[in-house]
């Protein structure tokens, strides 16, 4: 988990369901597909879930992580290592 991941999760908690493009726009990201790649990793880790074409929401685990009730080291490794 990176600081950017935490910022993405916090934004999703504040704003609700979001698309990768909306997140890229929010953070003024110039790296193509940055939010999409991070959301994919966080989906694998169980912190967010895809609920529609390009639309993601925060899971209960994502909420618990933000509330410091869940240690990121206990989550599945999104890289498969």
N, C-alpha and C. Protein backbone atom coordinates (compact mmCIF):
# COMPACT_ATOMS: atom_id res chain seq x y z
N UNK A 1 0.83 -1.17 0.00
CA UNK A 1 0.00 0.00 0.00
C UNK A 1 0.88 1.24 0.00
N UNK A 2 0.50 2.18 -0.83
CA UNK A 2 1.24 3.44 -0.91
C UNK A 2 0.39 4.57 -0.33
N UNK A 3 1.02 5.73 -0.14
CA UNK A 3 0.25 6.88 0.31
C UNK A 3 -0.82 7.24 -0.71
N UNK A 4 -0.50 7.06 -2.00
CA UNK A 4 -1.47 7.34 -3.05
C UNK A 4 -2.67 6.39 -2.93
N UNK A 5 -2.42 5.13 -2.59
CA UNK A 5 -3.52 4.17 -2.40
C UNK A 5 -4.43 4.63 -1.27
N UNK A 6 -3.83 5.08 -0.18
CA UNK A 6 -4.63 5.56 0.94
C UNK A 6 -5.45 6.79 0.53
N UNK A 7 -4.84 7.66 -0.27
CA UNK A 7 -5.56 8.85 -0.74
C UNK A 7 -6.73 8.45 -1.64
N UNK A 8 -6.54 7.46 -2.48
CA UNK A 8 -7.61 6.96 -3.34
C UNK A 8 -8.75 6.42 -2.48
N UNK A 9 -8.41 5.59 -1.49
CA UNK A 9 -9.43 5.02 -0.62
C UNK A 9 -10.17 6.10 0.17
N UNK A 10 -9.44 7.08 0.68
CA UNK A 10 -10.07 8.18 1.41
C UNK A 10 -11.03 8.95 0.50
N UNK A 11 -10.61 9.19 -0.72
CA UNK A 11 -11.46 9.91 -1.67
C UNK A 11 -12.72 9.12 -1.96
N UNK A 12 -12.58 7.81 -2.12
CA UNK A 12 -13.74 6.98 -2.38
C UNK A 12 -14.68 6.95 -1.17
N UNK A 13 -14.12 6.99 0.03
CA UNK A 13 -14.98 7.03 1.22
C UNK A 13 -15.75 8.35 1.26
N UNK A 14 -15.08 9.44 0.89
CA UNK A 14 -15.71 10.76 0.92
C UNK A 14 -16.71 10.97 -0.22
N UNK A 15 -16.34 10.51 -1.42
CA UNK A 15 -17.12 10.82 -2.62
C UNK A 15 -18.07 9.71 -3.05
N UNK A 16 -17.82 8.48 -2.62
CA UNK A 16 -18.65 7.36 -3.04
C UNK A 16 -18.01 6.60 -4.19
N UNK A 17 -18.81 5.88 -4.92
CA UNK A 17 -18.33 5.08 -6.04
C UNK A 17 -17.65 5.97 -7.08
N UNK A 18 -16.53 5.47 -7.63
CA UNK A 18 -15.77 6.29 -8.57
C UNK A 18 -15.20 5.43 -9.69
N UNK A 19 -14.90 6.10 -10.79
CA UNK A 19 -14.21 5.46 -11.91
C UNK A 19 -12.73 5.80 -11.82
N UNK A 20 -11.89 5.01 -12.48
CA UNK A 20 -10.47 5.36 -12.52
C UNK A 20 -10.23 6.75 -13.11
N UNK A 21 -10.97 7.10 -14.15
CA UNK A 21 -10.79 8.41 -14.78
C UNK A 21 -11.12 9.53 -13.81
N UNK A 22 -12.18 9.38 -13.05
CA UNK A 22 -12.55 10.40 -12.07
C UNK A 22 -11.46 10.55 -11.02
N UNK A 23 -10.86 9.44 -10.61
CA UNK A 23 -9.76 9.51 -9.64
C UNK A 23 -8.54 10.17 -10.24
N UNK A 24 -8.20 9.81 -11.48
CA UNK A 24 -7.07 10.46 -12.15
C UNK A 24 -7.30 11.96 -12.24
N UNK A 25 -8.52 12.35 -12.58
CA UNK A 25 -8.85 13.78 -12.68
C UNK A 25 -8.76 14.47 -11.31
N UNK A 26 -9.23 13.79 -10.28
CA UNK A 26 -9.21 14.34 -8.93
C UNK A 26 -7.78 14.64 -8.47
N UNK A 27 -6.88 13.72 -8.78
CA UNK A 27 -5.50 13.86 -8.33
C UNK A 27 -4.60 14.47 -9.38
N UNK A 28 -5.17 14.86 -10.52
CA UNK A 28 -4.40 15.47 -11.60
C UNK A 28 -3.20 14.60 -11.99
N UNK A 29 -3.49 13.30 -12.16
CA UNK A 29 -2.45 12.33 -12.49
C UNK A 29 -2.12 12.41 -13.97
N UNK A 30 -0.84 12.43 -14.27
CA UNK A 30 -0.42 12.47 -15.67
C UNK A 30 0.01 11.10 -16.17
N UNK A 31 0.15 10.14 -15.29
CA UNK A 31 0.53 8.79 -15.69
C UNK A 31 -0.72 8.07 -16.18
N UNK A 32 -0.69 7.63 -17.44
CA UNK A 32 -1.85 6.97 -18.03
C UNK A 32 -2.22 5.72 -17.24
N UNK A 33 -3.49 5.58 -16.95
CA UNK A 33 -4.06 4.40 -16.31
C UNK A 33 -3.58 4.19 -14.87
N UNK A 34 -3.05 5.21 -14.22
CA UNK A 34 -2.54 5.04 -12.86
C UNK A 34 -3.62 4.52 -11.92
N UNK A 35 -4.74 5.22 -11.84
CA UNK A 35 -5.80 4.82 -10.91
C UNK A 35 -6.34 3.44 -11.27
N UNK A 36 -6.48 3.15 -12.55
CA UNK A 36 -6.98 1.83 -12.96
C UNK A 36 -6.06 0.72 -12.45
N UNK A 37 -4.75 0.93 -12.58
CA UNK A 37 -3.80 -0.07 -12.11
C UNK A 37 -3.86 -0.23 -10.60
N UNK A 38 -3.95 0.88 -9.87
CA UNK A 38 -4.01 0.83 -8.41
C UNK A 38 -5.33 0.19 -7.95
N UNK A 39 -6.42 0.54 -8.62
CA UNK A 39 -7.71 -0.06 -8.26
C UNK A 39 -7.71 -1.56 -8.51
N UNK A 40 -7.06 -1.98 -9.58
CA UNK A 40 -6.95 -3.41 -9.86
C UNK A 40 -6.22 -4.12 -8.71
N UNK A 41 -5.13 -3.54 -8.26
CA UNK A 41 -4.38 -4.14 -7.15
C UNK A 41 -5.21 -4.14 -5.86
N UNK A 42 -5.91 -3.04 -5.62
CA UNK A 42 -6.71 -2.96 -4.40
C UNK A 42 -7.93 -3.88 -4.47
N UNK A 43 -8.41 -4.18 -5.68
CA UNK A 43 -9.49 -5.15 -5.84
C UNK A 43 -8.99 -6.53 -5.45
N UNK A 44 -7.81 -6.89 -5.93
CA UNK A 44 -7.21 -8.17 -5.58
C UNK A 44 -7.01 -8.29 -4.07
N UNK A 45 -6.64 -7.19 -3.44
CA UNK A 45 -6.42 -7.18 -1.99
C UNK A 45 -7.73 -7.13 -1.21
N UNK A 46 -8.86 -6.88 -1.89
CA UNK A 46 -10.16 -6.88 -1.24
C UNK A 46 -10.57 -5.55 -0.64
N UNK A 47 -9.85 -4.47 -0.96
CA UNK A 47 -10.17 -3.16 -0.39
C UNK A 47 -11.24 -2.42 -1.17
N UNK A 48 -11.35 -2.70 -2.45
CA UNK A 48 -12.40 -2.14 -3.31
C UNK A 48 -12.97 -3.27 -4.15
N UNK A 49 -14.13 -3.02 -4.72
CA UNK A 49 -14.71 -4.02 -5.62
C UNK A 49 -15.29 -3.31 -6.84
N UNK A 50 -15.20 -4.00 -7.95
CA UNK A 50 -15.77 -3.48 -9.19
C UNK A 50 -17.25 -3.80 -9.18
N UNK A 51 -18.07 -2.76 -9.38
CA UNK A 51 -19.51 -2.97 -9.31
C UNK A 51 -20.21 -2.75 -10.65
N UNK A 52 -19.44 -2.35 -11.62
CA UNK A 52 -19.98 -2.12 -12.95
C UNK A 52 -18.84 -1.79 -13.89
N UNK A 53 -19.17 -1.54 -15.12
CA UNK A 53 -18.14 -1.24 -16.10
C UNK A 53 -17.37 0.02 -15.69
N UNK A 54 -16.16 -0.19 -15.18
CA UNK A 54 -15.31 0.90 -14.79
C UNK A 54 -15.71 1.62 -13.52
N UNK A 55 -16.60 1.04 -12.73
CA UNK A 55 -17.07 1.69 -11.51
C UNK A 55 -16.68 0.84 -10.30
N UNK A 56 -16.08 1.48 -9.32
CA UNK A 56 -15.58 0.79 -8.13
C UNK A 56 -16.17 1.40 -6.87
N UNK A 57 -16.25 0.55 -5.82
CA UNK A 57 -16.67 1.04 -4.51
C UNK A 57 -15.76 0.46 -3.44
N UNK A 58 -15.73 1.14 -2.34
CA UNK A 58 -14.97 0.74 -1.17
C UNK A 58 -15.67 -0.44 -0.51
N UNK A 59 -14.92 -1.44 -0.10
CA UNK A 59 -15.48 -2.59 0.60
C UNK A 59 -15.42 -2.37 2.12
N UNK A 60 -16.02 -3.27 2.86
CA UNK A 60 -15.93 -3.21 4.31
C UNK A 60 -14.47 -3.30 4.76
N UNK A 61 -13.68 -4.12 4.05
CA UNK A 61 -12.26 -4.25 4.37
C UNK A 61 -11.53 -2.93 4.11
N UNK A 62 -11.91 -2.23 3.03
CA UNK A 62 -11.32 -0.93 2.75
C UNK A 62 -11.64 0.07 3.84
N UNK A 63 -12.87 0.04 4.32
CA UNK A 63 -13.27 0.91 5.44
C UNK A 63 -12.46 0.57 6.68
N UNK A 64 -12.33 -0.72 6.97
CA UNK A 64 -11.58 -1.15 8.15
C UNK A 64 -10.11 -0.73 8.05
N UNK A 65 -9.55 -0.82 6.85
CA UNK A 65 -8.17 -0.38 6.66
C UNK A 65 -8.04 1.11 6.97
N UNK A 66 -8.94 1.92 6.43
CA UNK A 66 -8.89 3.36 6.67
C UNK A 66 -9.11 3.71 8.14
N UNK A 67 -9.88 2.90 8.83
CA UNK A 67 -10.15 3.11 10.25
C UNK A 67 -9.06 2.50 11.13
N UNK A 68 -8.00 2.00 10.50
CA UNK A 68 -6.86 1.36 11.17
C UNK A 68 -7.29 0.15 11.99
N UNK A 69 -8.31 -0.55 11.51
CA UNK A 69 -8.78 -1.78 12.14
C UNK A 69 -8.30 -3.01 11.38
N UNK A 70 -7.61 -2.79 10.26
CA UNK A 70 -7.13 -3.87 9.41
C UNK A 70 -5.71 -3.55 8.99
N UNK A 71 -4.81 -4.49 9.22
CA UNK A 71 -3.40 -4.32 8.85
C UNK A 71 -3.22 -4.77 7.40
N UNK A 72 -2.64 -3.91 6.59
CA UNK A 72 -2.44 -4.21 5.17
C UNK A 72 -1.60 -5.46 4.96
N UNK A 73 -0.74 -5.80 5.91
CA UNK A 73 0.10 -6.99 5.75
C UNK A 73 -0.71 -8.28 5.81
N UNK A 74 -1.96 -8.21 6.26
CA UNK A 74 -2.80 -9.41 6.33
C UNK A 74 -3.61 -9.62 5.05
N UNK A 75 -3.52 -8.67 4.12
CA UNK A 75 -4.30 -8.76 2.88
C UNK A 75 -3.60 -9.63 1.86
N UNK A 76 -4.35 -10.20 0.92
CA UNK A 76 -3.73 -10.98 -0.16
C UNK A 76 -2.75 -10.11 -0.94
N UNK A 77 -1.65 -10.70 -1.36
CA UNK A 77 -0.64 -9.97 -2.13
C UNK A 77 -1.17 -9.77 -3.55
N UNK A 78 -1.39 -8.52 -3.95
CA UNK A 78 -1.95 -8.27 -5.30
C UNK A 78 -1.00 -8.62 -6.42
N UNK A 79 0.28 -8.80 -6.12
CA UNK A 79 1.24 -9.14 -7.16
C UNK A 79 1.37 -10.65 -7.33
N UNK A 80 0.76 -11.41 -6.39
CA UNK A 80 0.80 -12.86 -6.48
C UNK A 80 2.10 -13.45 -5.98
N UNK A 81 2.94 -12.65 -5.35
CA UNK A 81 4.21 -13.15 -4.81
C UNK A 81 4.03 -13.80 -3.47
